[in-house]
């Protein structure tokens, strides 16, 4: 429903990949918003 309103991304992290998944999401958000160095 939300993706029909605007571009939507799902950052759900699998429980058995929690730490690496959380870090990947942080790096991805850094890329999206030009905050690569901060991330």
ModelCIF file with pLDDT and N, C-alpha, C, O atoms, coordinates in Angstrom:
data_MODEL
#
_entry.id   MODEL 
#
_entity.id                         1 
_entity.type                       polymer 
_entity.pdbx_number_of_molecules   1 
#
_entity_poly.entity_id                      1 
_entity_poly.type                           'polypeptide(L)' 
_entity_poly.nstd_linkage                   no 
_entity_poly.nstd_monomer                   no 
_entity_poly.pdbx_seq_one_letter_code       
;(UNK)(UNK)(UNK)(UNK)(UNK)(UNK)(UNK)(UNK)(UNK)(UNK)(UNK)(UNK)(UNK)(UNK)(UNK)(UNK)
(UNK)(UNK)(UNK)(UNK)(UNK)(UNK)(UNK)(UNK)(UNK)(UNK)(UNK)(UNK)(UNK)(UNK)(UNK)(UNK)
(UNK)(UNK)(UNK)(UNK)(UNK)(UNK)(UNK)
;
_entity_poly.pdbx_seq_one_letter_code_can   XXXXXXXXXXXXXXXXXXXXXXXXXXXXXXXXXXXXXXX 
_entity_poly.pdbx_strand_id                 A 
#
loop_
_entity_poly_seq.entity_id 
_entity_poly_seq.num 
_entity_poly_seq.mon_id 
_entity_poly_seq.hetero 
1 1  UNK n 
1 2  UNK n 
1 3  UNK n 
1 4  UNK n 
1 5  UNK n 
1 6  UNK n 
1 7  UNK n 
1 8  UNK n 
1 9  UNK n 
1 10 UNK n 
1 11 UNK n 
1 12 UNK n 
1 13 UNK n 
1 14 UNK n 
1 15 UNK n 
1 16 UNK n 
1 17 UNK n 
1 18 UNK n 
1 19 UNK n 
1 20 UNK n 
1 21 UNK n 
1 22 UNK n 
1 23 UNK n 
1 24 UNK n 
1 25 UNK n 
1 26 UNK n 
1 27 UNK n 
1 28 UNK n 
1 29 UNK n 
1 30 UNK n 
1 31 UNK n 
1 32 UNK n 
1 33 UNK n 
1 34 UNK n 
1 35 UNK n 
1 36 UNK n 
1 37 UNK n 
1 38 UNK n 
1 39 UNK n 
#
_struct_asym.id          A 
_struct_asym.entity_id   1 
#
loop_
_ma_qa_metric.id 
_ma_qa_metric.mode 
_ma_qa_metric.name 
_ma_qa_metric.software_group_id 
_ma_qa_metric.type 
1 global pLDDT . pLDDT 
2 local  pLDDT . pLDDT 
#
_ma_qa_metric_global.metric_id      1 
_ma_qa_metric_global.metric_value   96.46 
_ma_qa_metric_global.model_id       1 
_ma_qa_metric_global.ordinal_id     1 
#
loop_
_ma_qa_metric_local.label_asym_id 
_ma_qa_metric_local.label_comp_id 
_ma_qa_metric_local.label_seq_id 
_ma_qa_metric_local.metric_id 
_ma_qa_metric_local.metric_value 
_ma_qa_metric_local.model_id 
_ma_qa_metric_local.ordinal_id 
A UNK 1  2 97.00 1 1  
A UNK 2  2 98.00 1 2  
A UNK 3  2 97.00 1 3  
A UNK 4  2 97.00 1 4  
A UNK 5  2 97.00 1 5  
A UNK 6  2 97.00 1 6  
A UNK 7  2 98.00 1 7  
A UNK 8  2 98.00 1 8  
A UNK 9  2 98.00 1 9  
A UNK 10 2 98.00 1 10 
A UNK 11 2 98.00 1 11 
A UNK 12 2 97.00 1 12 
A UNK 13 2 95.00 1 13 
A UNK 14 2 92.00 1 14 
A UNK 15 2 90.00 1 15 
A UNK 16 2 88.00 1 16 
A UNK 17 2 93.00 1 17 
A UNK 18 2 95.00 1 18 
A UNK 19 2 96.00 1 19 
A UNK 20 2 96.00 1 20 
A UNK 21 2 96.00 1 21 
A UNK 22 2 97.00 1 22 
A UNK 23 2 97.00 1 23 
A UNK 24 2 97.00 1 24 
A UNK 25 2 97.00 1 25 
A UNK 26 2 98.00 1 26 
A UNK 27 2 97.00 1 27 
A UNK 28 2 98.00 1 28 
A UNK 29 2 98.00 1 29 
A UNK 30 2 98.00 1 30 
A UNK 31 2 97.00 1 31 
A UNK 32 2 97.00 1 32 
A UNK 33 2 97.00 1 33 
A UNK 34 2 97.00 1 34 
A UNK 35 2 97.00 1 35 
A UNK 36 2 97.00 1 36 
A UNK 37 2 97.00 1 37 
A UNK 38 2 97.00 1 38 
A UNK 39 2 98.00 1 39 
#
loop_
_atom_site.group_PDB 
_atom_site.id 
_atom_site.type_symbol 
_atom_site.label_atom_id 
_atom_site.label_alt_id 
_atom_site.label_comp_id 
_atom_site.label_asym_id 
_atom_site.label_entity_id 
_atom_site.label_seq_id 
_atom_site.pdbx_PDB_ins_code 
_atom_site.Cartn_x 
_atom_site.Cartn_y 
_atom_site.Cartn_z 
_atom_site.occupancy 
_atom_site.B_iso_or_equiv 
_atom_site.pdbx_formal_charge 
_atom_site.auth_seq_id 
_atom_site.auth_comp_id 
_atom_site.auth_asym_id 
_atom_site.auth_atom_id 
_atom_site.pdbx_PDB_model_num 
ATOM 1   N N  . UNK A 1 1  ? 0.820  -1.208  0.000  1.00 97.00 ? 1  UNK A N  1 
ATOM 2   C CA . UNK A 1 1  ? 0.000  0.000   0.000  1.00 97.00 ? 1  UNK A CA 1 
ATOM 3   C C  . UNK A 1 1  ? 0.856  1.261   0.000  1.00 97.00 ? 1  UNK A C  1 
ATOM 4   O O  . UNK A 1 1  ? 0.568  2.211   -0.728 1.00 97.00 ? 1  UNK A O  1 
ATOM 5   N N  . UNK A 1 2  ? 1.914  1.270   0.820  1.00 98.00 ? 2  UNK A N  1 
ATOM 6   C CA . UNK A 1 2  ? 2.746  2.466   0.928  1.00 98.00 ? 2  UNK A CA 1 
ATOM 7   C C  . UNK A 1 2  ? 3.553  2.719   -0.341 1.00 98.00 ? 2  UNK A C  1 
ATOM 8   O O  . UNK A 1 2  ? 3.768  3.869   -0.725 1.00 98.00 ? 2  UNK A O  1 
ATOM 9   N N  . UNK A 1 3  ? 3.999  1.650   -0.990 1.00 97.00 ? 3  UNK A N  1 
ATOM 10  C CA . UNK A 1 3  ? 4.812  1.833   -2.191 1.00 97.00 ? 3  UNK A CA 1 
ATOM 11  C C  . UNK A 1 3  ? 4.001  2.385   -3.354 1.00 97.00 ? 3  UNK A C  1 
ATOM 12  O O  . UNK A 1 3  ? 4.564  2.877   -4.332 1.00 97.00 ? 3  UNK A O  1 
ATOM 13  N N  . UNK A 1 4  ? 2.677  2.303   -3.248 1.00 97.00 ? 4  UNK A N  1 
ATOM 14  C CA . UNK A 1 4  ? 1.837  2.916   -4.277 1.00 97.00 ? 4  UNK A CA 1 
ATOM 15  C C  . UNK A 1 4  ? 1.676  4.421   -4.051 1.00 97.00 ? 4  UNK A C  1 
ATOM 16  O O  . UNK A 1 4  ? 1.219  5.140   -4.940 1.00 97.00 ? 4  UNK A O  1 
ATOM 17  N N  . UNK A 1 5  ? 2.049  4.890   -2.871 1.00 97.00 ? 5  UNK A N  1 
ATOM 18  C CA . UNK A 1 5  ? 1.980  6.322   -2.560 1.00 97.00 ? 5  UNK A CA 1 
ATOM 19  C C  . UNK A 1 5  ? 3.290  7.019   -2.910 1.00 97.00 ? 5  UNK A C  1 
ATOM 20  O O  . UNK A 1 5  ? 3.292  8.105   -3.490 1.00 97.00 ? 5  UNK A O  1 
ATOM 21  N N  . UNK A 1 6  ? 4.416  6.376   -2.549 1.00 97.00 ? 6  UNK A N  1 
ATOM 22  C CA . UNK A 1 6  ? 5.739  6.976   -2.754 1.00 97.00 ? 6  UNK A CA 1 
ATOM 23  C C  . UNK A 1 6  ? 6.782  5.867   -2.717 1.00 97.00 ? 6  UNK A C  1 
ATOM 24  O O  . UNK A 1 6  ? 6.490  4.774   -2.233 1.00 97.00 ? 6  UNK A O  1 
ATOM 25  N N  . UNK A 1 7  ? 7.996  6.117   -3.218 1.00 98.00 ? 7  UNK A N  1 
ATOM 26  C CA . UNK A 1 7  ? 9.058  5.117   -3.108 1.00 98.00 ? 7  UNK A CA 1 
ATOM 27  C C  . UNK A 1 7  ? 9.229  4.671   -1.653 1.00 98.00 ? 7  UNK A C  1 
ATOM 28  O O  . UNK A 1 7  ? 9.358  5.495   -0.747 1.00 98.00 ? 7  UNK A O  1 
ATOM 29  N N  . UNK A 1 8  ? 9.228  3.358   -1.451 1.00 98.00 ? 8  UNK A N  1 
ATOM 30  C CA . UNK A 1 8  ? 9.259  2.785   -0.104 1.00 98.00 ? 8  UNK A CA 1 
ATOM 31  C C  . UNK A 1 8  ? 10.351 1.735   -0.027 1.00 98.00 ? 8  UNK A C  1 
ATOM 32  O O  . UNK A 1 8  ? 10.517 0.933   -0.946 1.00 98.00 ? 8  UNK A O  1 
ATOM 33  N N  . UNK A 1 9  ? 11.100 1.737   1.077  1.00 98.00 ? 9  UNK A N  1 
ATOM 34  C CA . UNK A 1 9  ? 12.118 0.707   1.303  1.00 98.00 ? 9  UNK A CA 1 
ATOM 35  C C  . UNK A 1 9  ? 11.835 0.010   2.622  1.00 98.00 ? 9  UNK A C  1 
ATOM 36  O O  . UNK A 1 9  ? 11.443 0.644   3.602  1.00 98.00 ? 9  UNK A O  1 
ATOM 37  N N  . UNK A 1 10 ? 12.036 -1.297  2.636  1.00 98.00 ? 10 UNK A N  1 
ATOM 38  C CA . UNK A 1 10 ? 11.803 -2.129  3.817  1.00 98.00 ? 10 UNK A CA 1 
ATOM 39  C C  . UNK A 1 10 ? 13.153 -2.536  4.404  1.00 98.00 ? 10 UNK A C  1 
ATOM 40  O O  . UNK A 1 10 ? 13.899 -3.303  3.795  1.00 98.00 ? 10 UNK A O  1 
ATOM 41  N N  . UNK A 1 11 ? 13.456 -2.020  5.588  1.00 98.00 ? 11 UNK A N  1 
ATOM 42  C CA . UNK A 1 11 ? 14.745 -2.298  6.232  1.00 98.00 ? 11 UNK A CA 1 
ATOM 43  C C  . UNK A 1 11 ? 14.626 -3.350  7.331  1.00 98.00 ? 11 UNK A C  1 
ATOM 44  O O  . UNK A 1 11 ? 15.366 -3.317  8.314  1.00 98.00 ? 11 UNK A O  1 
ATOM 45  N N  . UNK A 1 12 ? 13.694 -4.277  7.160  1.00 97.00 ? 12 UNK A N  1 
ATOM 46  C CA . UNK A 1 12 ? 13.586 -5.400  8.094  1.00 97.00 ? 12 UNK A CA 1 
ATOM 47  C C  . UNK A 1 12 ? 14.888 -6.188  8.117  1.00 97.00 ? 12 UNK A C  1 
ATOM 48  O O  . UNK A 1 12 ? 15.470 -6.479  7.071  1.00 97.00 ? 12 UNK A O  1 
ATOM 49  N N  . UNK A 1 13 ? 15.338 -6.530  9.318  1.00 95.00 ? 13 UNK A N  1 
ATOM 50  C CA . UNK A 1 13 ? 16.568 -7.317  9.497  1.00 95.00 ? 13 UNK A CA 1 
ATOM 51  C C  . UNK A 1 13 ? 16.196 -8.710  9.984  1.00 95.00 ? 13 UNK A C  1 
ATOM 52  O O  . UNK A 1 13 ? 15.414 -8.850  10.924 1.00 95.00 ? 13 UNK A O  1 
ATOM 53  N N  . UNK A 1 14 ? 16.742 -9.730  9.358  1.00 92.00 ? 14 UNK A N  1 
ATOM 54  C CA . UNK A 1 14 ? 16.496 -11.106 9.792  1.00 92.00 ? 14 UNK A CA 1 
ATOM 55  C C  . UNK A 1 14 ? 17.123 -11.330 11.167 1.00 92.00 ? 14 UNK A C  1 
ATOM 56  O O  . UNK A 1 14 ? 18.260 -10.918 11.395 1.00 92.00 ? 14 UNK A O  1 
ATOM 57  N N  . UNK A 1 15 ? 16.398 -11.980 12.094 1.00 90.00 ? 15 UNK A N  1 
ATOM 58  C CA . UNK A 1 15 ? 16.948 -12.197 13.439 1.00 90.00 ? 15 UNK A CA 1 
ATOM 59  C C  . UNK A 1 15 ? 18.296 -12.904 13.457 1.00 90.00 ? 15 UNK A C  1 
ATOM 60  O O  . UNK A 1 15 ? 19.145 -12.607 14.298 1.00 90.00 ? 15 UNK A O  1 
ATOM 61  N N  . UNK A 1 16 ? 18.496 -13.841 12.530 1.00 88.00 ? 16 UNK A N  1 
ATOM 62  C CA . UNK A 1 16 ? 19.762 -14.593 12.528 1.00 88.00 ? 16 UNK A CA 1 
ATOM 63  C C  . UNK A 1 16 ? 20.877 -13.861 11.778 1.00 88.00 ? 16 UNK A C  1 
ATOM 64  O O  . UNK A 1 16 ? 21.958 -14.412 11.569 1.00 88.00 ? 16 UNK A O  1 
ATOM 65  N N  . UNK A 1 17 ? 20.606 -12.603 11.371 1.00 93.00 ? 17 UNK A N  1 
ATOM 66  C CA . UNK A 1 17 ? 21.618 -11.784 10.688 1.00 93.00 ? 17 UNK A CA 1 
ATOM 67  C C  . UNK A 1 17 ? 21.579 -10.368 11.265 1.00 93.00 ? 17 UNK A C  1 
ATOM 68  O O  . UNK A 1 17 ? 21.788 -9.385  10.554 1.00 93.00 ? 17 UNK A O  1 
ATOM 69  N N  . UNK A 1 18 ? 21.309 -10.290 12.559 1.00 95.00 ? 18 UNK A N  1 
ATOM 70  C CA . UNK A 1 18 ? 20.973 -9.009  13.177 1.00 95.00 ? 18 UNK A CA 1 
ATOM 71  C C  . UNK A 1 18 ? 22.102 -7.988  13.079 1.00 95.00 ? 18 UNK A C  1 
ATOM 72  O O  . UNK A 1 18 ? 21.889 -6.885  12.575 1.00 95.00 ? 18 UNK A O  1 
ATOM 73  N N  . UNK A 1 19 ? 23.276 -8.329  13.543 1.00 96.00 ? 19 UNK A N  1 
ATOM 74  C CA . UNK A 1 19 ? 24.366 -7.358  13.593 1.00 96.00 ? 19 UNK A CA 1 
ATOM 75  C C  . UNK A 1 19 ? 24.793 -6.916  12.195 1.00 96.00 ? 19 UNK A C  1 
ATOM 76  O O  . UNK A 1 19 ? 24.901 -5.718  11.930 1.00 96.00 ? 19 UNK A O  1 
ATOM 77  N N  . UNK A 1 20 ? 25.033 -7.869  11.307 1.00 96.00 ? 20 UNK A N  1 
ATOM 78  C CA . UNK A 1 20 ? 25.448 -7.508  9.950  1.00 96.00 ? 20 UNK A CA 1 
ATOM 79  C C  . UNK A 1 20 ? 24.328 -6.773  9.220  1.00 96.00 ? 20 UNK A C  1 
ATOM 80  O O  . UNK A 1 20 ? 24.584 -5.831  8.470  1.00 96.00 ? 20 UNK A O  1 
ATOM 81  N N  . UNK A 1 21 ? 23.085 -7.203  9.440  1.00 96.00 ? 21 UNK A N  1 
ATOM 82  C CA . UNK A 1 21 ? 21.957 -6.543  8.808  1.00 96.00 ? 21 UNK A CA 1 
ATOM 83  C C  . UNK A 1 21 ? 21.799 -5.105  9.270  1.00 96.00 ? 21 UNK A C  1 
ATOM 84  O O  . UNK A 1 21 ? 21.517 -4.217  8.466  1.00 96.00 ? 21 UNK A O  1 
ATOM 85  N N  . UNK A 1 22 ? 21.980 -4.873  10.566 1.00 97.00 ? 22 UNK A N  1 
ATOM 86  C CA . UNK A 1 22 ? 21.887 -3.512  11.089 1.00 97.00 ? 22 UNK A CA 1 
ATOM 87  C C  . UNK A 1 22 ? 22.969 -2.618  10.504 1.00 97.00 ? 22 UNK A C  1 
ATOM 88  O O  . UNK A 1 22 ? 22.719 -1.456  10.184 1.00 97.00 ? 22 UNK A O  1 
ATOM 89  N N  . UNK A 1 23 ? 24.166 -3.160  10.366 1.00 97.00 ? 23 UNK A N  1 
ATOM 90  C CA . UNK A 1 23 ? 25.260 -2.360  9.787  1.00 97.00 ? 23 UNK A CA 1 
ATOM 91  C C  . UNK A 1 23 ? 25.026 -2.101  8.298  1.00 97.00 ? 23 UNK A C  1 
ATOM 92  O O  . UNK A 1 23 ? 25.327 -1.013  7.807  1.00 97.00 ? 23 UNK A O  1 
ATOM 93  N N  . UNK A 1 24 ? 24.498 -3.080  7.583  1.00 97.00 ? 24 UNK A N  1 
ATOM 94  C CA . UNK A 1 24 ? 24.198 -2.866  6.162  1.00 97.00 ? 24 UNK A CA 1 
ATOM 95  C C  . UNK A 1 24 ? 23.137 -1.776  5.997  1.00 97.00 ? 24 UNK A C  1 
ATOM 96  O O  . UNK A 1 24 ? 23.245 -0.931  5.109  1.00 97.00 ? 24 UNK A O  1 
ATOM 97  N N  . UNK A 1 25 ? 22.127 -1.796  6.841  1.00 97.00 ? 25 UNK A N  1 
ATOM 98  C CA . UNK A 1 25 ? 21.090 -0.765  6.764  1.00 97.00 ? 25 UNK A CA 1 
ATOM 99  C C  . UNK A 1 25 ? 21.659 0.623   7.035  1.00 97.00 ? 25 UNK A C  1 
ATOM 100 O O  . UNK A 1 25 ? 21.291 1.597   6.379  1.00 97.00 ? 25 UNK A O  1 
ATOM 101 N N  . UNK A 1 26 ? 22.555 0.699   8.005  1.00 98.00 ? 26 UNK A N  1 
ATOM 102 C CA . UNK A 1 26 ? 23.169 1.994   8.318  1.00 98.00 ? 26 UNK A CA 1 
ATOM 103 C C  . UNK A 1 26 ? 23.980 2.504   7.138  1.00 98.00 ? 26 UNK A C  1 
ATOM 104 O O  . UNK A 1 26 ? 23.911 3.685   6.796  1.00 98.00 ? 26 UNK A O  1 
ATOM 105 N N  . UNK A 1 27 ? 24.748 1.616   6.514  1.00 97.00 ? 27 UNK A N  1 
ATOM 106 C CA . UNK A 1 27 ? 25.537 2.017   5.345  1.00 97.00 ? 27 UNK A CA 1 
ATOM 107 C C  . UNK A 1 27 ? 24.626 2.426   4.192  1.00 97.00 ? 27 UNK A C  1 
ATOM 108 O O  . UNK A 1 27 ? 24.921 3.381   3.474  1.00 97.00 ? 27 UNK A O  1 
ATOM 109 N N  . UNK A 1 28 ? 23.514 1.701   4.015  1.00 98.00 ? 28 UNK A N  1 
ATOM 110 C CA . UNK A 1 28 ? 22.571 2.028   2.953  1.00 98.00 ? 28 UNK A CA 1 
ATOM 111 C C  . UNK A 1 28 ? 21.959 3.409   3.166  1.00 98.00 ? 28 UNK A C  1 
ATOM 112 O O  . UNK A 1 28 ? 21.871 4.198   2.226  1.00 98.00 ? 28 UNK A O  1 
ATOM 113 N N  . UNK A 1 29 ? 21.539 3.704   4.389  1.00 98.00 ? 29 UNK A N  1 
ATOM 114 C CA . UNK A 1 29 ? 20.974 5.021   4.676  1.00 98.00 ? 29 UNK A CA 1 
ATOM 115 C C  . UNK A 1 29 ? 22.026 6.112   4.476  1.00 98.00 ? 29 UNK A C  1 
ATOM 116 O O  . UNK A 1 29 ? 21.708 7.210   4.018  1.00 98.00 ? 29 UNK A O  1 
ATOM 117 N N  . UNK A 1 30 ? 23.268 5.807   4.818  1.00 98.00 ? 30 UNK A N  1 
ATOM 118 C CA . UNK A 1 30 ? 24.343 6.758   4.553  1.00 98.00 ? 30 UNK A CA 1 
ATOM 119 C C  . UNK A 1 30 ? 24.477 7.052   3.064  1.00 98.00 ? 30 UNK A C  1 
ATOM 120 O O  . UNK A 1 30 ? 24.668 8.202   2.669  1.00 98.00 ? 30 UNK A O  1 
ATOM 121 N N  . UNK A 1 31 ? 24.378 6.007   2.237  1.00 97.00 ? 31 UNK A N  1 
ATOM 122 C CA . UNK A 1 31 ? 24.469 6.191   0.784  1.00 97.00 ? 31 UNK A CA 1 
ATOM 123 C C  . UNK A 1 31 ? 23.307 7.028   0.260  1.00 97.00 ? 31 UNK A C  1 
ATOM 124 O O  . UNK A 1 31 ? 23.500 7.918   -0.567 1.00 97.00 ? 31 UNK A O  1 
ATOM 125 N N  . UNK A 1 32 ? 22.109 6.742   0.741  1.00 97.00 ? 32 UNK A N  1 
ATOM 126 C CA . UNK A 1 32 ? 20.920 7.436   0.236  1.00 97.00 ? 32 UNK A CA 1 
ATOM 127 C C  . UNK A 1 32 ? 20.993 8.928   0.520  1.00 97.00 ? 32 UNK A C  1 
ATOM 128 O O  . UNK A 1 32 ? 20.607 9.742   -0.318 1.00 97.00 ? 32 UNK A O  1 
ATOM 129 N N  . UNK A 1 33 ? 21.489 9.289   1.703  1.00 97.00 ? 33 UNK A N  1 
ATOM 130 C CA . UNK A 1 33 ? 21.425 10.685  2.138  1.00 97.00 ? 33 UNK A CA 1 
ATOM 131 C C  . UNK A 1 33 ? 22.772 11.416  2.077  1.00 97.00 ? 33 UNK A C  1 
ATOM 132 O O  . UNK A 1 33 ? 22.917 12.501  2.641  1.00 97.00 ? 33 UNK A O  1 
ATOM 133 N N  . UNK A 1 34 ? 23.749 10.825  1.396  1.00 97.00 ? 34 UNK A N  1 
ATOM 134 C CA . UNK A 1 34 ? 25.041 11.492  1.279  1.00 97.00 ? 34 UNK A CA 1 
ATOM 135 C C  . UNK A 1 34 ? 25.787 11.570  2.593  1.00 97.00 ? 34 UNK A C  1 
ATOM 136 O O  . UNK A 1 34 ? 26.559 12.502  2.818  1.00 97.00 ? 34 UNK A O  1 
ATOM 137 N N  . UNK A 1 35 ? 25.559 10.589  3.470  1.00 97.00 ? 35 UNK A N  1 
ATOM 138 C CA . UNK A 1 35 ? 26.203 10.564  4.784  1.00 97.00 ? 35 UNK A CA 1 
ATOM 139 C C  . UNK A 1 35 ? 27.124 9.343   4.891  1.00 97.00 ? 35 UNK A C  1 
ATOM 140 O O  . UNK A 1 35 ? 27.239 8.722   5.948  1.00 97.00 ? 35 UNK A O  1 
ATOM 141 N N  . UNK A 1 36 ? 27.772 9.018   3.775  1.00 97.00 ? 36 UNK A N  1 
ATOM 142 C CA . UNK A 1 36 ? 28.598 7.811   3.746  1.00 97.00 ? 36 UNK A CA 1 
ATOM 143 C C  . UNK A 1 36 ? 29.707 7.840   4.793  1.00 97.00 ? 36 UNK A C  1 
ATOM 144 O O  . UNK A 1 36 ? 29.931 6.845   5.483  1.00 97.00 ? 36 UNK A O  1 
ATOM 145 N N  . UNK A 1 37 ? 30.392 8.951   4.915  1.00 97.00 ? 37 UNK A N  1 
ATOM 146 C CA . UNK A 1 37 ? 31.509 9.035   5.856  1.00 97.00 ? 37 UNK A CA 1 
ATOM 147 C C  . UNK A 1 37 ? 31.032 8.926   7.298  1.00 97.00 ? 37 UNK A C  1 
ATOM 148 O O  . UNK A 1 37 ? 31.647 8.236   8.111  1.00 97.00 ? 37 UNK A O  1 
ATOM 149 N N  . UNK A 1 38 ? 29.932 9.611   7.613  1.00 97.00 ? 38 UNK A N  1 
ATOM 150 C CA . UNK A 1 38 ? 29.393 9.548   8.979  1.00 97.00 ? 38 UNK A CA 1 
ATOM 151 C C  . UNK A 1 38 ? 28.972 8.121   9.327  1.00 97.00 ? 38 UNK A C  1 
ATOM 152 O O  . UNK A 1 38 ? 29.249 7.634   10.423 1.00 97.00 ? 38 UNK A O  1 
ATOM 153 N N  . UNK A 1 39 ? 28.296 7.452   8.380  1.00 98.00 ? 39 UNK A N  1 
ATOM 154 C CA . UNK A 1 39 ? 27.857 6.084   8.622  1.00 98.00 ? 39 UNK A CA 1 
ATOM 155 C C  . UNK A 1 39 ? 29.050 5.149   8.807  1.00 98.00 ? 39 UNK A C  1 
ATOM 156 O O  . UNK A 1 39 ? 28.867 3.951   9.023  1.00 98.00 ? 39 UNK A O  1 
#
